[in-house]
PDB file of N, CA and C in Angstrom:
ATOM      1  N   MET A   1      -5.487  15.643  13.223  1.00  0.00           N
ATOM      2  CA  MET A   1      -4.791  14.510  12.731  1.00  0.00           C
ATOM      3  C   MET A   1      -4.881  13.455  13.841  1.00  0.00           C
ATOM      4  N   GLU A   2      -5.396  12.179  13.381  1.00  0.00           N
ATOM      5  CA  GLU A   2      -5.590  11.283  14.491  1.00  0.00           C
ATOM      6  C   GLU A   2      -4.044  10.713  14.889  1.00  0.00           C
ATOM      7  N   GLN A   3      -3.986  10.547  16.186  1.00  0.00           N
ATOM      8  CA  GLN A   3      -2.720  10.062  16.640  1.00  0.00           C
ATOM      9  C   GLN A   3      -2.243   8.658  16.023  1.00  0.00           C
ATOM     10  N   ASN A   4      -0.956   8.623  15.811  1.00  0.00           N
ATOM     11  CA  ASN A   4      -0.440   7.209  15.317  1.00  0.00           C
ATOM     12  C   ASN A   4      -0.854   7.110  13.768  1.00  0.00           C
ATOM     13  N   GLU A   5      -1.362   8.034  13.160  1.00  0.00           N
ATOM     14  CA  GLU A   5      -1.499   8.123  11.701  1.00  0.00           C
ATOM     15  C   GLU A   5      -0.709   9.027  11.103  1.00  0.00           C
ATOM     16  N   THR A   6       0.324   8.487  10.230  1.00  0.00           N
ATOM     17  CA  THR A   6       1.142   9.397   9.511  1.00  0.00           C
ATOM     18  C   THR A   6       0.977   9.436   7.933  1.00  0.00           C
ATOM     19  N   HIS A   7       1.363  10.539   7.334  1.00  0.00           N
ATOM     20  CA  HIS A   7       1.254  10.578   5.913  1.00  0.00           C
ATOM     21  C   HIS A   7       2.573  11.035   5.284  1.00  0.00           C
ATOM     22  N   ALA A   8       2.911  10.518   4.093  1.00  0.00           N
ATOM     23  CA  ALA A   8       4.165  10.811   3.592  1.00  0.00           C
ATOM     24  C   ALA A   8       3.973  12.133   2.916  1.00  0.00           C
ATOM     25  N   LEU A   9       4.954  13.094   2.785  1.00  0.00           N
ATOM     26  CA  LEU A   9       4.966  14.266   2.219  1.00  0.00           C
ATOM     27  C   LEU A   9       6.485  14.279   1.681  1.00  0.00           C
ATOM     28  N   ILE A  10       6.422  14.839   0.169  1.00  0.00           N
ATOM     29  CA  ILE A  10       7.760  14.904  -0.487  1.00  0.00           C
ATOM     30  C   ILE A  10       7.858  16.338  -0.771  1.00  0.00           C
ATOM     31  N   LEU A  11       9.080  16.850  -0.253  1.00  0.00           N
ATOM     32  CA  LEU A  11       9.472  18.351  -0.401  1.00  0.00           C
ATOM     33  C   LEU A  11      10.637  18.313  -1.150  1.00  0.00           C
ATOM     34  N   ILE A  12      10.873  19.433  -2.059  1.00  0.00           N
ATOM     35  CA  ILE A  12      12.149  19.776  -2.934  1.00  0.00           C
ATOM     36  C   ILE A  12      13.017  20.734  -2.170  1.00  0.00           C
ATOM     37  N   ASP A  13      14.235  20.328  -1.851  1.00  0.00           N
ATOM     38  CA  ASP A  13      15.069  21.514  -1.336  1.00  0.00           C
ATOM     39  C   ASP A  13      15.569  22.420  -2.355  1.00  0.00           C
ATOM     40  N   GLU A  14      16.336  23.265  -1.842  1.00  0.00           N
ATOM     41  CA  GLU A  14      17.022  24.308  -2.786  1.00  0.00           C
ATOM     42  C   GLU A  14      17.818  23.841  -3.881  1.00  0.00           C
ATOM     43  N   ASP A  15      18.340  22.608  -3.673  1.00  0.00           N
ATOM     44  CA  ASP A  15      19.140  21.777  -4.654  1.00  0.00           C
ATOM     45  C   ASP A  15      18.316  20.816  -5.624  1.00  0.00           C
ATOM     46  N   ASP A  16      16.973  21.134  -5.591  1.00  0.00           N
ATOM     47  CA  ASP A  16      16.111  20.352  -6.347  1.00  0.00           C
ATOM     48  C   ASP A  16      16.179  18.788  -6.016  1.00  0.00           C
ATOM     49  N   ASN A  17      16.599  18.433  -4.646  1.00  0.00           N
ATOM     50  CA  ASN A  17      16.446  16.972  -4.236  1.00  0.00           C
ATOM     51  C   ASN A  17      14.982  16.847  -3.950  1.00  0.00           C
ATOM     52  N   GLU A  18      14.425  15.602  -3.854  1.00  0.00           N
ATOM     53  CA  GLU A  18      13.383  15.191  -3.266  1.00  0.00           C
ATOM     54  C   GLU A  18      13.887  14.598  -2.016  1.00  0.00           C
ATOM     55  N   ILE A  19      13.056  15.042  -0.905  1.00  0.00           N
ATOM     56  CA  ILE A  19      13.228  14.594   0.544  1.00  0.00           C
ATOM     57  C   ILE A  19      11.690  14.173   0.946  1.00  0.00           C
ATOM     58  N   GLU A  20      11.607  12.980   1.379  1.00  0.00           N
ATOM     59  CA  GLU A  20      10.542  12.350   1.751  1.00  0.00           C
ATOM     60  C   GLU A  20      10.591  12.531   3.617  1.00  0.00           C
ATOM     61  N   PHE A  21       9.285  12.957   3.832  1.00  0.00           N
ATOM     62  CA  PHE A  21       9.049  13.190   5.142  1.00  0.00           C
ATOM     63  C   PHE A  21       7.757  12.321   5.635  1.00  0.00           C
ATOM     64  N   ASP A  22       7.714  12.130   6.846  1.00  0.00           N
ATOM     65  CA  ASP A  22       6.195  11.567   7.437  1.00  0.00           C
ATOM     66  C   ASP A  22       5.829  12.714   8.181  1.00  0.00           C
ATOM     67  N   LEU A  23       4.432  13.036   7.955  1.00  0.00           N
ATOM     68  CA  LEU A  23       3.844  14.377   8.413  1.00  0.00           C
ATOM     69  C   LEU A  23       3.224  13.633   9.652  1.00  0.00           C
ATOM     70  N   LEU A  24       3.749  14.180  10.970  1.00  0.00           N
ATOM     71  CA  LEU A  24       3.489  13.670  12.051  1.00  0.00           C
ATOM     72  C   LEU A  24       2.253  14.414  12.657  1.00  0.00           C
ATOM     73  N   ASP A  25       2.027  15.862  12.289  1.00  0.00           N
ATOM     74  CA  ASP A  25       0.960  16.739  13.045  1.00  0.00           C
ATOM     75  C   ASP A  25       0.831  17.910  12.154  1.00  0.00           C
ATOM     76  N   LYS A  26      -0.310  18.116  12.060  1.00  0.00           N
ATOM     77  CA  LYS A  26      -0.523  19.537  11.527  1.00  0.00           C
ATOM     78  C   LYS A  26      -1.775  20.205  12.359  1.00  0.00           C
ATOM     79  N   PHE A  27      -1.410  21.497  12.864  1.00  0.00           N
ATOM     80  CA  PHE A  27      -2.274  22.188  13.762  1.00  0.00           C
ATOM     81  C   PHE A  27      -2.133  23.652  13.757  1.00  0.00           C
ATOM     82  N   GLU A  28      -3.212  24.251  14.173  1.00  0.00           N
ATOM     83  CA  GLU A  28      -3.162  25.778  14.416  1.00  0.00           C
ATOM     84  C   GLU A  28      -2.675  26.250  15.561  1.00  0.00           C
ATOM     85  N   PHE A  29      -1.874  27.267  15.511  1.00  0.00           N
ATOM     86  CA  PHE A  29      -1.287  27.596  16.744  1.00  0.00           C
ATOM     87  C   PHE A  29      -0.858  29.182  16.495  1.00  0.00           C
ATOM     88  N   GLU A  30      -1.184  30.044  17.336  1.00  0.00           N
ATOM     89  CA  GLU A  30      -0.840  31.318  17.494  1.00  0.00           C
ATOM     90  C   GLU A  30      -1.261  31.957  15.965  1.00  0.00           C
ATOM     91  N   GLY A  31      -2.344  31.576  15.522  1.00  0.00           N
ATOM     92  CA  GLY A  31      -2.750  32.196  14.383  1.00  0.00           C
ATOM     93  C   GLY A  31      -2.288  31.645  12.930  1.00  0.00           C
ATOM     94  N   SER A  32      -1.416  30.737  13.084  1.00  0.00           N
ATOM     95  CA  SER A  32      -0.883  30.092  11.730  1.00  0.00           C
ATOM     96  C   SER A  32      -1.118  28.556  11.988  1.00  0.00           C
ATOM     97  N   THR A  33      -0.879  28.085  10.775  1.00  0.00           N
ATOM     98  CA  THR A  33      -0.991  26.408  10.530  1.00  0.00           C
ATOM     99  C   THR A  33       0.348  25.946  10.572  1.00  0.00           C
ATOM    100  N   PHE A  34       0.730  25.053  11.441  1.00  0.00           N
ATOM    101  CA  PHE A  34       2.197  24.379  11.291  1.00  0.00           C
ATOM    102  C   PHE A  34       2.121  23.032  11.079  1.00  0.00           C
ATOM    103  N   LEU A  35       3.131  22.406  10.542  1.00  0.00           N
ATOM    104  CA  LEU A  35       3.303  21.074  10.130  1.00  0.00           C
ATOM    105  C   LEU A  35       4.676  20.539  10.888  1.00  0.00           C
ATOM    106  N   VAL A  36       4.421  19.482  11.586  1.00  0.00           N
ATOM    107  CA  VAL A  36       5.666  18.813  12.109  1.00  0.00           C
ATOM    108  C   VAL A  36       5.934  17.503  11.362  1.00  0.00           C
ATOM    109  N   LEU A  37       7.437  17.416  10.933  1.00  0.00           N
ATOM    110  CA  LEU A  37       7.577  16.512   9.859  1.00  0.00           C
ATOM    111  C   LEU A  37       8.850  15.681  10.492  1.00  0.00           C
ATOM    112  N   LEU A  38       8.846  14.583  10.046  1.00  0.00           N
ATOM    113  CA  LEU A  38      10.201  13.698  10.295  1.00  0.00           C
ATOM    114  C   LEU A  38      10.817  13.124   8.931  1.00  0.00           C
ATOM    115  N   PRO A  39      11.900  13.356   8.632  1.00  0.00           N
ATOM    116  CA  PRO A  39      12.633  12.730   7.599  1.00  0.00           C
ATOM    117  C   PRO A  39      12.565  11.292   7.632  1.00  0.00           C
ATOM    118  N   VAL A  40      12.217  10.668   6.336  1.00  0.00           N
ATOM    119  CA  VAL A  40      12.041   9.217   6.375  1.00  0.00           C
ATOM    120  C   VAL A  40      13.434   8.561   6.276  1.00  0.00           C
ATOM    121  N   ASP A  41      14.355   9.188   5.495  1.00  0.00           N
ATOM    122  CA  ASP A  41      15.574   8.481   5.289  1.00  0.00           C
ATOM    123  C   ASP A  41      16.648   9.049   6.121  1.00  0.00           C
ATOM    124  N   ASP A  42      16.476   9.318   7.279  1.00  0.00           N
ATOM    125  CA  ASP A  42      17.470   9.982   8.228  1.00  0.00           C
ATOM    126  C   ASP A  42      18.189   8.971   9.038  1.00  0.00           C
ATOM    127  N   ASP A  43      19.461   8.739   8.688  1.00  0.00           N
ATOM    128  CA  ASP A  43      20.225   7.824   9.410  1.00  0.00           C
ATOM    129  C   ASP A  43      20.844   8.151  10.675  1.00  0.00           C
ATOM    130  N   SER A  44      20.744   9.510  11.137  1.00  0.00           N
ATOM    131  CA  SER A  44      21.325   9.908  12.325  1.00  0.00           C
ATOM    132  C   SER A  44      20.745   9.415  13.610  1.00  0.00           C
ATOM    133  N   ASP A  45      21.514   9.398  14.697  1.00  0.00           N
ATOM    134  CA  ASP A  45      21.048   8.723  16.070  1.00  0.00           C
ATOM    135  C   ASP A  45      20.077   9.486  16.589  1.00  0.00           C
ATOM    136  N   GLU A  46      20.010  10.849  16.287  1.00  0.00           N
ATOM    137  CA  GLU A  46      19.083  11.566  16.936  1.00  0.00           C
ATOM    138  C   GLU A  46      17.724  11.980  16.210  1.00  0.00           C
ATOM    139  N   VAL A  47      16.701  11.941  16.688  1.00  0.00           N
ATOM    140  CA  VAL A  47      15.397  12.369  16.058  1.00  0.00           C
ATOM    141  C   VAL A  47      15.596  14.047  15.674  1.00  0.00           C
ATOM    142  N   GLU A  48      15.369  14.183  14.506  1.00  0.00           N
ATOM    143  CA  GLU A  48      15.459  15.727  14.085  1.00  0.00           C
ATOM    144  C   GLU A  48      14.249  16.090  13.404  1.00  0.00           C
ATOM    145  N   TYR A  49      13.254  16.720  14.175  1.00  0.00           N
ATOM    146  CA  TYR A  49      11.932  17.223  13.520  1.00  0.00           C
ATOM    147  C   TYR A  49      12.180  18.423  12.723  1.00  0.00           C
ATOM    148  N   VAL A  50      11.407  18.499  11.903  1.00  0.00           N
ATOM    149  CA  VAL A  50      11.216  19.718  10.803  1.00  0.00           C
ATOM    150  C   VAL A  50      10.022  20.349  11.037  1.00  0.00           C
ATOM    151  N   ILE A  51      10.104  21.575  11.470  1.00  0.00           N
ATOM    152  CA  ILE A  51       8.739  22.305  11.580  1.00  0.00           C
ATOM    153  C   ILE A  51       8.590  23.471  10.650  1.00  0.00           C
ATOM    154  N   LEU A  52       7.417  23.393  10.040  1.00  0.00           N
ATOM    155  CA  LEU A  52       7.327  24.332   8.910  1.00  0.00           C
ATOM    156  C   LEU A  52       6.042  25.049   9.134  1.00  0.00           C
ATOM    157  N   ARG A  53       5.775  26.304   8.818  1.00  0.00           N
ATOM    158  CA  ARG A  53       4.513  27.015   8.721  1.00  0.00           C
ATOM    159  C   ARG A  53       3.937  27.102   7.382  1.00  0.00           C
ATOM    160  N   ASP A  54       2.666  26.757   7.310  1.00  0.00           N
ATOM    161  CA  ASP A  54       1.929  27.018   6.050  1.00  0.00           C
ATOM    162  C   ASP A  54       1.688  28.476   5.585  1.00  0.00           C
ATOM    163  N   ALA A  55       2.441  28.893   4.457  1.00  0.00           N
ATOM    164  CA  ALA A  55       2.677  30.190   4.046  1.00  0.00           C
ATOM    165  C   ALA A  55       1.591  30.542   3.082  1.00  0.00           C
ATOM    166  N   GLY A  56       0.609  29.725   2.769  1.00  0.00           N
ATOM    167  CA  GLY A  56      -0.500  29.879   1.944  1.00  0.00           C
ATOM    168  C   GLY A  56      -0.231  29.459   0.400  1.00  0.00           C
ATOM    169  N   GLU A  57      -1.228  29.217  -0.319  1.00  0.00           N
ATOM    170  CA  GLU A  57      -1.132  28.796  -1.811  1.00  0.00           C
ATOM    171  C   GLU A  57      -0.061  27.669  -1.950  1.00  0.00           C
ATOM    172  N   GLY A  58      -0.213  26.703  -1.060  1.00  0.00           N
ATOM    173  CA  GLY A  58       0.659  25.622  -1.171  1.00  0.00           C
ATOM    174  C   GLY A  58       2.092  25.709  -0.705  1.00  0.00           C
ATOM    175  N   ALA A  59       2.475  26.970  -0.033  1.00  0.00           N
ATOM    176  CA  ALA A  59       3.871  27.071   0.104  1.00  0.00           C
ATOM    177  C   ALA A  59       4.119  26.790   1.369  1.00  0.00           C
ATOM    178  N   LEU A  60       5.298  26.246   1.949  1.00  0.00           N
ATOM    179  CA  LEU A  60       5.687  26.162   3.258  1.00  0.00           C
ATOM    180  C   LEU A  60       6.884  26.980   3.580  1.00  0.00           C
ATOM    181  N   ALA A  61       6.927  27.538   4.955  1.00  0.00           N
ATOM    182  CA  ALA A  61       8.056  28.237   5.156  1.00  0.00           C
ATOM    183  C   ALA A  61       8.705  27.801   6.543  1.00  0.00           C
ATOM    184  N   GLY A  62      10.081  27.943   6.581  1.00  0.00           N
ATOM    185  CA  GLY A  62      10.697  27.771   7.898  1.00  0.00           C
ATOM    186  C   GLY A  62      10.424  28.677   9.034  1.00  0.00           C
ATOM    187  N   ILE A  63      10.713  28.421  10.095  1.00  0.00           N
ATOM    188  CA  ILE A  63      10.437  29.477  11.340  1.00  0.00           C
ATOM    189  C   ILE A  63      11.898  30.014  11.714  1.00  0.00           C
ATOM    190  N   ASP A  64      12.047  31.274  11.278  1.00  0.00           N
ATOM    191  CA  ASP A  64      13.215  31.975  11.791  1.00  0.00           C
ATOM    192  C   ASP A  64      13.450  32.306  13.182  1.00  0.00           C
ATOM    193  N   ASP A  65      12.234  32.496  13.772  1.00  0.00           N
ATOM    194  CA  ASP A  65      12.109  33.000  15.169  1.00  0.00           C
ATOM    195  C   ASP A  65      12.457  31.967  16.088  1.00  0.00           C
ATOM    196  N   GLU A  66      13.482  31.846  16.801  1.00  0.00           N
ATOM    197  CA  GLU A  66      13.829  30.788  17.835  1.00  0.00           C
ATOM    198  C   GLU A  66      12.822  30.550  18.883  1.00  0.00           C
ATOM    199  N   ASP A  67      12.323  31.759  19.410  1.00  0.00           N
ATOM    200  CA  ASP A  67      11.468  31.729  20.407  1.00  0.00           C
ATOM    201  C   ASP A  67      10.164  31.048  20.176  1.00  0.00           C
ATOM    202  N   GLN A  68       9.713  31.445  18.855  1.00  0.00           N
ATOM    203  CA  GLN A  68       8.344  30.794  18.223  1.00  0.00           C
ATOM    204  C   GLN A  68       8.672  29.440  17.972  1.00  0.00           C
ATOM    205  N   LEU A  69       9.644  29.080  17.361  1.00  0.00           N
ATOM    206  CA  LEU A  69       9.927  27.722  17.151  1.00  0.00           C
ATOM    207  C   LEU A  69       9.895  26.637  18.379  1.00  0.00           C
ATOM    208  N   ASP A  70      10.342  27.246  19.302  1.00  0.00           N
ATOM    209  CA  ASP A  70      10.314  26.564  20.635  1.00  0.00           C
ATOM    210  C   ASP A  70       8.869  26.386  21.218  1.00  0.00           C
ATOM    211  N   ARG A  71       7.958  27.499  21.071  1.00  0.00           N
ATOM    212  CA  ARG A  71       6.653  27.373  21.400  1.00  0.00           C
ATOM    213  C   ARG A  71       5.785  26.519  20.701  1.00  0.00           C
ATOM    214  N   VAL A  72       6.089  26.506  19.395  1.00  0.00           N
ATOM    215  CA  VAL A  72       5.323  25.580  18.327  1.00  0.00           C
ATOM    216  C   VAL A  72       5.827  24.213  18.792  1.00  0.00           C
ATOM    217  N   PHE A  73       7.194  23.869  19.074  1.00  0.00           N
ATOM    218  CA  PHE A  73       7.593  22.669  19.296  1.00  0.00           C
ATOM    219  C   PHE A  73       6.809  22.126  20.713  1.00  0.00           C
ATOM    220  N   ALA A  74       6.823  22.946  21.645  1.00  0.00           N
ATOM    221  CA  ALA A  74       6.347  22.702  22.983  1.00  0.00           C
ATOM    222  C   ALA A  74       4.716  22.380  22.769  1.00  0.00           C
ATOM    223  N   GLU A  75       4.107  22.971  21.940  1.00  0.00           N
ATOM    224  CA  GLU A  75       2.756  22.814  21.666  1.00  0.00           C
ATOM    225  C   GLU A  75       2.519  21.326  21.206  1.00  0.00           C
ATOM    226  N   TYR A  76       3.403  21.225  20.108  1.00  0.00           N
ATOM    227  CA  TYR A  76       3.330  19.713  19.456  1.00  0.00           C
ATOM    228  C   TYR A  76       3.625  18.543  20.432  1.00  0.00           C
ATOM    229  N   LYS A  77       4.615  18.848  21.129  1.00  0.00           N
ATOM    230  CA  LYS A  77       4.687  17.930  22.184  1.00  0.00           C
ATOM    231  C   LYS A  77       3.466  17.528  23.395  1.00  0.00           C
ATOM    232  N   LYS A  78       3.162  18.668  23.731  1.00  0.00           N
ATOM    233  CA  LYS A  78       1.860  18.926  24.607  1.00  0.00           C
ATOM    234  C   LYS A  78       0.694  18.191  23.935  1.00  0.00           C
ATOM    235  N   ARG A  79       0.445  18.379  22.696  1.00  0.00           N
ATOM    236  CA  ARG A  79      -0.714  17.795  21.855  1.00  0.00           C
ATOM    237  C   ARG A  79      -0.639  16.366  21.643  1.00  0.00           C
ATOM    238  N   ASN A  80       0.696  15.839  21.629  1.00  0.00           N
ATOM    239  CA  ASN A  80       0.972  14.433  21.322  1.00  0.00           C
ATOM    240  C   ASN A  80       1.629  13.641  22.614  1.00  0.00           C
ATOM    241  N   ASP A  81       1.498  14.154  23.961  1.00  0.00           N
ATOM    242  CA  ASP A  81       1.750  13.678  25.141  1.00  0.00           C
ATOM    243  C   ASP A  81       3.486  13.041  24.979  1.00  0.00           C
ATOM    244  N   ILE A  82       4.198  13.986  24.530  1.00  0.00           N
ATOM    245  CA  ILE A  82       5.667  13.595  24.450  1.00  0.00           C
ATOM    246  C   ILE A  82       6.398  14.333  25.402  1.00  0.00           C
ATOM    247  N   GLU A  83       6.848  13.619  26.296  1.00  0.00           N
ATOM    248  CA  GLU A  83       7.979  14.226  27.528  1.00  0.00           C
ATOM    249  C   GLU A  83       9.280  14.301  26.896  1.00  0.00           C
ATOM    250  N   ASP A  84      10.049  15.249  27.595  1.00  0.00           N
ATOM    251  CA  ASP A  84      11.458  15.508  27.234  1.00  0.00           C
ATOM    252  C   ASP A  84      12.195  14.340  27.604  1.00  0.00           C
TER     253      ASP A  84
END
């Protein structure tokens, strides 16, 4: 994905609510494909990224392993020159 290019993505939560996200990055890492998303209508003061794994057949899955989530987020920051 080219930097500074975002795509809208609408996901449906467990309560059947549609939530719009900007797709910030999609990349292969540790044998899986990951998507880094940012909610469009998030009114909070803190940026809260959503990271999902492509589970195949059009399905996305959350990441339960905290260590893996940290590694994926670190890779995203490295790929996009984002500092802490």
